[in-house]
């Protein structure tokens, strides 16, 4: 008999520090939420040159977009 094994949900943290917010991180969070991808608002991690920054399971995604985050979380558009 086949077991139903679900994949673990990735931990996604979107930096909401001043620089990342200026570069669209808050809108990125809303975009992820609109696709049903849960994220949390994170504090600045001093990665401002790479804004907006997202951490997926503690791996940094520089100059993040919804598409980049989806690629890193294995969420694909249908």
PDB file of N, CA and C in Angstrom:
ATOM      1  N   UNK A   1       0.845  -1.174   0.000  1.00  0.00           N
ATOM      2  CA  UNK A   1       0.000   0.000   0.000  1.00  0.00           C
ATOM      3  C   UNK A   1       0.894   1.242   0.000  1.00  0.00           C
ATOM      4  N   UNK A   2       0.497   2.225  -0.784  1.00  0.00           N
ATOM      5  CA  UNK A   2       1.242   3.467  -0.916  1.00  0.00           C
ATOM      6  C   UNK A   2       0.905   4.410   0.241  1.00  0.00           C
ATOM      7  N   UNK A   3       1.941   4.998   0.837  1.00  0.00           N
ATOM      8  CA  UNK A   3       1.721   5.947   1.919  1.00  0.00           C
ATOM      9  C   UNK A   3       1.666   7.358   1.356  1.00  0.00           C
ATOM     10  N   UNK A   4       0.828   8.177   1.939  1.00  0.00           N
ATOM     11  CA  UNK A   4       0.727   9.577   1.537  1.00  0.00           C
ATOM     12  C   UNK A   4       1.760  10.375   2.332  1.00  0.00           C
ATOM     13  N   UNK A   5       2.863  10.684   1.681  1.00  0.00           N
ATOM     14  CA  UNK A   5       3.942  11.426   2.338  1.00  0.00           C
ATOM     15  C   UNK A   5       3.947  12.844   1.777  1.00  0.00           C
ATOM     16  N   UNK A   6       3.702  13.803   2.660  1.00  0.00           N
ATOM     17  CA  UNK A   6       3.694  15.196   2.210  1.00  0.00           C
ATOM     18  C   UNK A   6       5.088  15.794   2.369  1.00  0.00           C
ATOM     19  N   UNK A   7       5.390  16.712   1.477  1.00  0.00           N
ATOM     20  CA  UNK A   7       6.672  17.398   1.534  1.00  0.00           C
ATOM     21  C   UNK A   7       6.635  18.426   2.659  1.00  0.00           C
ATOM     22  N   UNK A   8       7.769  18.627   3.337  1.00  0.00           N
ATOM     23  CA  UNK A   8       7.788  19.649   4.390  1.00  0.00           C
ATOM     24  C   UNK A   8       7.597  21.042   3.789  1.00  0.00           C
ATOM     25  N   UNK A   9       6.916  21.873   4.520  1.00  0.00           N
ATOM     26  CA  UNK A   9       6.678  23.243   4.077  1.00  0.00           C
ATOM     27  C   UNK A   9       7.940  24.056   4.331  1.00  0.00           C
ATOM     28  N   UNK A  10       8.456  24.729   3.306  1.00  0.00           N
ATOM     29  CA  UNK A  10       9.679  25.512   3.525  1.00  0.00           C
ATOM     30  C   UNK A  10       9.419  26.730   4.409  1.00  0.00           C
ATOM     31  N   UNK A  11      10.418  27.102   5.168  1.00  0.00           N
ATOM     32  CA  UNK A  11      10.355  28.302   6.004  1.00  0.00           C
ATOM     33  C   UNK A  11      10.814  29.474   5.133  1.00  0.00           C
ATOM     34  N   UNK A  12       9.923  30.425   4.905  1.00  0.00           N
ATOM     35  CA  UNK A  12      10.230  31.564   4.032  1.00  0.00           C
ATOM     36  C   UNK A  12      10.160  32.844   4.849  1.00  0.00           C
ATOM     37  N   UNK A  13      11.269  33.556   4.875  1.00  0.00           N
ATOM     38  CA  UNK A  13      11.366  34.825   5.600  1.00  0.00           C
ATOM     39  C   UNK A  13      11.697  35.929   4.605  1.00  0.00           C
ATOM     40  N   UNK A  14      10.845  36.930   4.548  1.00  0.00           N
ATOM     41  CA  UNK A  14      11.043  38.067   3.652  1.00  0.00           C
ATOM     42  C   UNK A  14      11.497  39.250   4.497  1.00  0.00           C
ATOM     43  N   UNK A  15      12.655  39.803   4.176  1.00  0.00           N
ATOM     44  CA  UNK A  15      13.154  40.952   4.921  1.00  0.00           C
ATOM     45  C   UNK A  15      12.225  42.145   4.722  1.00  0.00           C
ATOM     46  N   UNK A  16      11.811  42.741   5.833  1.00  0.00           N
ATOM     47  CA  UNK A  16      10.984  43.943   5.778  1.00  0.00           C
ATOM     48  C   UNK A  16      11.747  45.132   6.346  1.00  0.00           C
ATOM     49  N   UNK A  17      13.068  45.057   6.296  1.00  0.00           N
ATOM     50  CA  UNK A  17      13.899  46.187   6.719  1.00  0.00           C
ATOM     51  C   UNK A  17      13.709  47.356   5.768  1.00  0.00           C
ATOM     52  N   UNK A  18      14.235  48.522   6.115  1.00  0.00           N
ATOM     53  CA  UNK A  18      14.008  49.731   5.314  1.00  0.00           C
ATOM     54  C   UNK A  18      14.417  49.602   3.846  1.00  0.00           C
ATOM     55  N   UNK A  19      15.612  49.120   3.576  1.00  0.00           N
ATOM     56  CA  UNK A  19      16.096  49.042   2.194  1.00  0.00           C
ATOM     57  C   UNK A  19      15.294  48.013   1.387  1.00  0.00           C
ATOM     58  N   UNK A  20      15.081  46.830   1.962  1.00  0.00           N
ATOM     59  CA  UNK A  20      14.313  45.798   1.259  1.00  0.00           C
ATOM     60  C   UNK A  20      12.877  46.264   1.012  1.00  0.00           C
ATOM     61  N   UNK A  21      12.312  46.964   1.982  1.00  0.00           N
ATOM     62  CA  UNK A  21      10.961  47.504   1.788  1.00  0.00           C
ATOM     63  C   UNK A  21      10.935  48.502   0.641  1.00  0.00           C
ATOM     64  N   UNK A  22      11.972  49.349   0.569  1.00  0.00           N
ATOM     65  CA  UNK A  22      12.071  50.303  -0.537  1.00  0.00           C
ATOM     66  C   UNK A  22      12.144  49.595  -1.884  1.00  0.00           C
ATOM     67  N   UNK A  23      12.705  48.383  -1.901  1.00  0.00           N
ATOM     68  CA  UNK A  23      12.871  47.628  -3.138  1.00  0.00           C
ATOM     69  C   UNK A  23      11.758  46.601  -3.362  1.00  0.00           C
ATOM     70  N   UNK A  24      10.667  46.706  -2.583  1.00  0.00           N
ATOM     71  CA  UNK A  24       9.476  45.911  -2.878  1.00  0.00           C
ATOM     72  C   UNK A  24       9.245  44.655  -2.072  1.00  0.00           C
ATOM     73  N   UNK A  25       9.918  44.484  -0.947  1.00  0.00           N
ATOM     74  CA  UNK A  25       9.746  43.247  -0.192  1.00  0.00           C
ATOM     75  C   UNK A  25       8.332  43.079   0.376  1.00  0.00           C
ATOM     76  N   UNK A  26       7.702  44.165   0.761  1.00  0.00           N
ATOM     77  CA  UNK A  26       6.339  44.045   1.310  1.00  0.00           C
ATOM     78  C   UNK A  26       5.350  43.625   0.226  1.00  0.00           C
ATOM     79  N   UNK A  27       5.528  44.134  -0.977  1.00  0.00           N
ATOM     80  CA  UNK A  27       4.678  43.723  -2.096  1.00  0.00           C
ATOM     81  C   UNK A  27       4.963  42.273  -2.466  1.00  0.00           C
ATOM     82  N   UNK A  28       6.239  41.872  -2.355  1.00  0.00           N
ATOM     83  CA  UNK A  28       6.614  40.490  -2.620  1.00  0.00           C
ATOM     84  C   UNK A  28       5.914  39.555  -1.631  1.00  0.00           C
ATOM     85  N   UNK A  29       5.865  39.938  -0.367  1.00  0.00           N
ATOM     86  CA  UNK A  29       5.160  39.139   0.643  1.00  0.00           C
ATOM     87  C   UNK A  29       3.687  38.993   0.286  1.00  0.00           C
ATOM     88  N   UNK A  30       3.076  40.081  -0.144  1.00  0.00           N
ATOM     89  CA  UNK A  30       1.665  40.029  -0.544  1.00  0.00           C
ATOM     90  C   UNK A  30       1.475  39.139  -1.764  1.00  0.00           C
ATOM     91  N   UNK A  31       2.419  39.196  -2.711  1.00  0.00           N
ATOM     92  CA  UNK A  31       2.343  38.353  -3.898  1.00  0.00           C
ATOM     93  C   UNK A  31       2.440  36.877  -3.547  1.00  0.00           C
ATOM     94  N   UNK A  32       3.336  36.537  -2.634  1.00  0.00           N
ATOM     95  CA  UNK A  32       3.452  35.150  -2.192  1.00  0.00           C
ATOM     96  C   UNK A  32       2.173  34.702  -1.497  1.00  0.00           C
ATOM     97  N   UNK A  33       1.664  35.559  -0.625  1.00  0.00           N
ATOM     98  CA  UNK A  33       0.427  35.243   0.089  1.00  0.00           C
ATOM     99  C   UNK A  33      -0.719  35.006  -0.889  1.00  0.00           C
ATOM    100  N   UNK A  34      -0.785  35.823  -1.927  1.00  0.00           N
ATOM    101  CA  UNK A  34      -1.836  35.675  -2.937  1.00  0.00           C
ATOM    102  C   UNK A  34      -1.760  34.360  -3.690  1.00  0.00           C
ATOM    103  N   UNK A  35      -0.567  33.756  -3.716  1.00  0.00           N
ATOM    104  CA  UNK A  35      -0.384  32.449  -4.361  1.00  0.00           C
ATOM    105  C   UNK A  35      -0.504  31.291  -3.370  1.00  0.00           C
ATOM    106  N   UNK A  36      -0.827  31.642  -2.116  1.00  0.00           N
ATOM    107  CA  UNK A  36      -0.973  30.610  -1.095  1.00  0.00           C
ATOM    108  C   UNK A  36       0.345  30.144  -0.509  1.00  0.00           C
ATOM    109  N   UNK A  37       1.401  30.924  -0.683  1.00  0.00           N
ATOM    110  CA  UNK A  37       2.716  30.584  -0.146  1.00  0.00           C
ATOM    111  C   UNK A  37       2.936  31.411   1.108  1.00  0.00           C
ATOM    112  N   UNK A  38       3.005  30.743   2.240  1.00  0.00           N
ATOM    113  CA  UNK A  38       3.121  31.418   3.523  1.00  0.00           C
ATOM    114  C   UNK A  38       4.542  31.891   3.769  1.00  0.00           C
ATOM    115  N   UNK A  39       4.678  33.126   4.211  1.00  0.00           N
ATOM    116  CA  UNK A  39       5.983  33.675   4.568  1.00  0.00           C
ATOM    117  C   UNK A  39       5.835  34.491   5.837  1.00  0.00           C
ATOM    118  N   UNK A  40       6.985  34.784   6.449  1.00  0.00           N
ATOM    119  CA  UNK A  40       6.971  35.653   7.620  1.00  0.00           C
ATOM    120  C   UNK A  40       7.786  36.899   7.304  1.00  0.00           C
ATOM    121  N   UNK A  41       7.452  37.990   7.988  1.00  0.00           N
ATOM    122  CA  UNK A  41       8.199  39.242   7.843  1.00  0.00           C
ATOM    123  C   UNK A  41       9.428  39.160   8.726  1.00  0.00           C
ATOM    124  N   UNK A  42      10.593  39.363   8.124  1.00  0.00           N
ATOM    125  CA  UNK A  42      11.836  39.280   8.868  1.00  0.00           C
ATOM    126  C   UNK A  42      12.451  40.639   9.107  1.00  0.00           C
ATOM    127  N   UNK A  43      13.370  40.672  10.037  1.00  0.00           N
ATOM    128  CA  UNK A  43      14.122  41.883  10.335  1.00  0.00           C
ATOM    129  C   UNK A  43      15.327  41.983   9.403  1.00  0.00           C
ATOM    130  N   UNK A  44      15.910  43.158   9.354  1.00  0.00           N
ATOM    131  CA  UNK A  44      17.075  43.406   8.521  1.00  0.00           C
ATOM    132  C   UNK A  44      18.223  42.473   8.917  1.00  0.00           C
ATOM    133  N   UNK A  45      18.861  41.904   7.895  1.00  0.00           N
ATOM    134  CA  UNK A  45      20.040  41.051   8.116  1.00  0.00           C
ATOM    135  C   UNK A  45      21.287  41.664   7.479  1.00  0.00           C
ATOM    136  N   UNK A  46      21.244  42.953   7.243  1.00  0.00           N
ATOM    137  CA  UNK A  46      22.385  43.706   6.702  1.00  0.00           C
ATOM    138  C   UNK A  46      22.854  43.177   5.347  1.00  0.00           C
ATOM    139  N   UNK A  47      21.918  42.820   4.504  1.00  0.00           N
ATOM    140  CA  UNK A  47      22.207  42.372   3.141  1.00  0.00           C
ATOM    141  C   UNK A  47      21.653  43.384   2.139  1.00  0.00           C
ATOM    142  N   UNK A  48      21.678  44.643   2.515  1.00  0.00           N
ATOM    143  CA  UNK A  48      21.059  45.724   1.745  1.00  0.00           C
ATOM    144  C   UNK A  48      21.485  45.791   0.273  1.00  0.00           C
ATOM    145  N   UNK A  49      22.727  45.511  -0.087  1.00  0.00           N
ATOM    146  CA  UNK A  49      23.092  45.563  -1.507  1.00  0.00           C
ATOM    147  C   UNK A  49      22.335  44.529  -2.356  1.00  0.00           C
ATOM    148  N   UNK A  50      21.744  43.541  -1.702  1.00  0.00           N
ATOM    149  CA  UNK A  50      21.042  42.467  -2.408  1.00  0.00           C
ATOM    150  C   UNK A  50      19.521  42.595  -2.324  1.00  0.00           C
ATOM    151  N   UNK A  51      19.040  43.754  -1.899  1.00  0.00           N
ATOM    152  CA  UNK A  51      17.609  43.967  -1.659  1.00  0.00           C
ATOM    153  C   UNK A  51      16.776  43.788  -2.932  1.00  0.00           C
ATOM    154  N   UNK A  52      15.574  43.252  -2.769  1.00  0.00           N
ATOM    155  CA  UNK A  52      15.001  42.649  -1.566  1.00  0.00           C
ATOM    156  C   UNK A  52      15.533  41.234  -1.355  1.00  0.00           C
ATOM    157  N   UNK A  53      15.681  40.865  -0.094  1.00  0.00           N
ATOM    158  CA  UNK A  53      16.249  39.581   0.274  1.00  0.00           C
ATOM    159  C   UNK A  53      15.176  38.689   0.880  1.00  0.00           C
ATOM    160  N   UNK A  54      15.191  37.421   0.462  1.00  0.00           N
ATOM    161  CA  UNK A  54      14.299  36.410   1.031  1.00  0.00           C
ATOM    162  C   UNK A  54      15.168  35.240   1.448  1.00  0.00           C
ATOM    163  N   UNK A  55      14.847  34.649   2.585  1.00  0.00           N
ATOM    164  CA  UNK A  55      15.534  33.451   3.044  1.00  0.00           C
ATOM    165  C   UNK A  55      14.553  32.289   2.973  1.00  0.00           C
ATOM    166  N   UNK A  56      14.908  31.272   2.200  1.00  0.00           N
ATOM    167  CA  UNK A  56      14.110  30.054   2.092  1.00  0.00           C
ATOM    168  C   UNK A  56      14.904  28.969   2.811  1.00  0.00           C
ATOM    169  N   UNK A  57      14.357  28.495   3.919  1.00  0.00           N
ATOM    170  CA  UNK A  57      15.075  27.526   4.754  1.00  0.00           C
ATOM    171  C   UNK A  57      16.499  28.003   5.038  1.00  0.00           C
ATOM    172  N   UNK A  58      16.626  29.274   5.402  1.00  0.00           N
ATOM    173  CA  UNK A  58      17.896  29.923   5.771  1.00  0.00           C
ATOM    174  C   UNK A  58      18.894  30.053   4.622  1.00  0.00           C
ATOM    175  N   UNK A  59      18.449  29.854   3.381  1.00  0.00           N
ATOM    176  CA  UNK A  59      19.309  30.103   2.221  1.00  0.00           C
ATOM    177  C   UNK A  59      18.858  31.408   1.584  1.00  0.00           C
ATOM    178  N   UNK A  60      19.797  32.329   1.403  1.00  0.00           N
ATOM    179  CA  UNK A  60      19.465  33.659   0.912  1.00  0.00           C
ATOM    180  C   UNK A  60      19.131  33.636  -0.581  1.00  0.00           C
ATOM    181  N   UNK A  61      18.074  34.356  -0.918  1.00  0.00           N
ATOM    182  CA  UNK A  61      17.714  34.616  -2.307  1.00  0.00           C
ATOM    183  C   UNK A  61      17.872  36.118  -2.518  1.00  0.00           C
ATOM    184  N   UNK A  62      18.957  36.548  -3.189  1.00  0.00           N
ATOM    185  CA  UNK A  62      19.175  37.976  -3.411  1.00  0.00           C
ATOM    186  C   UNK A  62      18.300  38.501  -4.537  1.00  0.00           C
ATOM    187  N   UNK A  63      17.997  39.801  -4.453  1.00  0.00           N
ATOM    188  CA  UNK A  63      17.175  40.459  -5.476  1.00  0.00           C
ATOM    189  C   UNK A  63      15.961  39.594  -5.802  1.00  0.00           C
ATOM    190  N   UNK A  64      15.288  39.195  -4.733  1.00  0.00           N
ATOM    191  CA  UNK A  64      14.205  38.216  -4.808  1.00  0.00           C
ATOM    192  C   UNK A  64      12.995  38.727  -5.588  1.00  0.00           C
ATOM    193  N   UNK A  65      12.380  37.796  -6.271  1.00  0.00           N
ATOM    194  CA  UNK A  65      11.097  38.006  -6.934  1.00  0.00           C
ATOM    195  C   UNK A  65      10.214  36.831  -6.548  1.00  0.00           C
ATOM    196  N   UNK A  66       8.926  36.950  -6.811  1.00  0.00           N
ATOM    197  CA  UNK A  66       8.016  35.843  -6.535  1.00  0.00           C
ATOM    198  C   UNK A  66       8.483  34.605  -7.296  1.00  0.00           C
ATOM    199  N   UNK A  67       8.889  34.788  -8.546  1.00  0.00           N
ATOM    200  CA  UNK A  67       9.316  33.660  -9.368  1.00  0.00           C
ATOM    201  C   UNK A  67      10.547  32.965  -8.783  1.00  0.00           C
ATOM    202  N   UNK A  68      11.525  33.739  -8.319  1.00  0.00           N
ATOM    203  CA  UNK A  68      12.726  33.151  -7.721  1.00  0.00           C
ATOM    204  C   UNK A  68      12.373  32.359  -6.472  1.00  0.00           C
ATOM    205  N   UNK A  69      11.489  32.918  -5.641  1.00  0.00           N
ATOM    206  CA  UNK A  69      11.092  32.220  -4.413  1.00  0.00           C
ATOM    207  C   UNK A  69      10.355  30.933  -4.770  1.00  0.00           C
ATOM    208  N   UNK A  70       9.476  30.998  -5.754  1.00  0.00           N
ATOM    209  CA  UNK A  70       8.755  29.793  -6.175  1.00  0.00           C
ATOM    210  C   UNK A  70       9.726  28.725  -6.668  1.00  0.00           C
ATOM    211  N   UNK A  71      10.745  29.121  -7.412  1.00  0.00           N
ATOM    212  CA  UNK A  71      11.749  28.166  -7.886  1.00  0.00           C
ATOM    213  C   UNK A  71      12.478  27.511  -6.716  1.00  0.00           C
ATOM    214  N   UNK A  72      12.787  28.295  -5.686  1.00  0.00           N
ATOM    215  CA  UNK A  72      13.513  27.755  -4.538  1.00  0.00           C
ATOM    216  C   UNK A  72      12.633  26.925  -3.616  1.00  0.00           C
ATOM    217  N   UNK A  73      11.336  27.074  -3.705  1.00  0.00           N
ATOM    218  CA  UNK A  73      10.443  26.317  -2.825  1.00  0.00           C
ATOM    219  C   UNK A  73       9.764  25.173  -3.550  1.00  0.00           C
ATOM    220  N   UNK A  74      10.031  25.033  -4.837  1.00  0.00           N
ATOM    221  CA  UNK A  74       9.437  23.985  -5.676  1.00  0.00           C
ATOM    222  C   UNK A  74       7.953  24.200  -5.918  1.00  0.00           C
ATOM    223  N   UNK A  75       7.458  25.429  -5.642  1.00  0.00           N
ATOM    224  CA  UNK A  75       6.085  25.783  -5.990  1.00  0.00           C
ATOM    225  C   UNK A  75       6.124  26.232  -7.449  1.00  0.00           C
ATOM    226  N   UNK A  76       5.380  25.620  -8.272  1.00  0.00           N
ATOM    227  CA  UNK A  76       5.362  25.991  -9.687  1.00  0.00           C
ATOM    228  C   UNK A  76       3.987  26.483 -10.081  1.00  0.00           C
ATOM    229  N   UNK A  77       3.959  27.480 -10.939  1.00  0.00           N
ATOM    230  CA  UNK A  77       2.684  27.957 -11.465  1.00  0.00           C
ATOM    231  C   UNK A  77       2.095  26.894 -12.381  1.00  0.00           C
ATOM    232  N   UNK A  78       0.787  26.778 -12.346  1.00  0.00           N
ATOM    233  CA  UNK A  78       0.108  25.837 -13.238  1.00  0.00           C
ATOM    234  C   UNK A  78      -0.571  26.563 -14.355  1.00  0.00           C
TER     235      UNK A  78
END
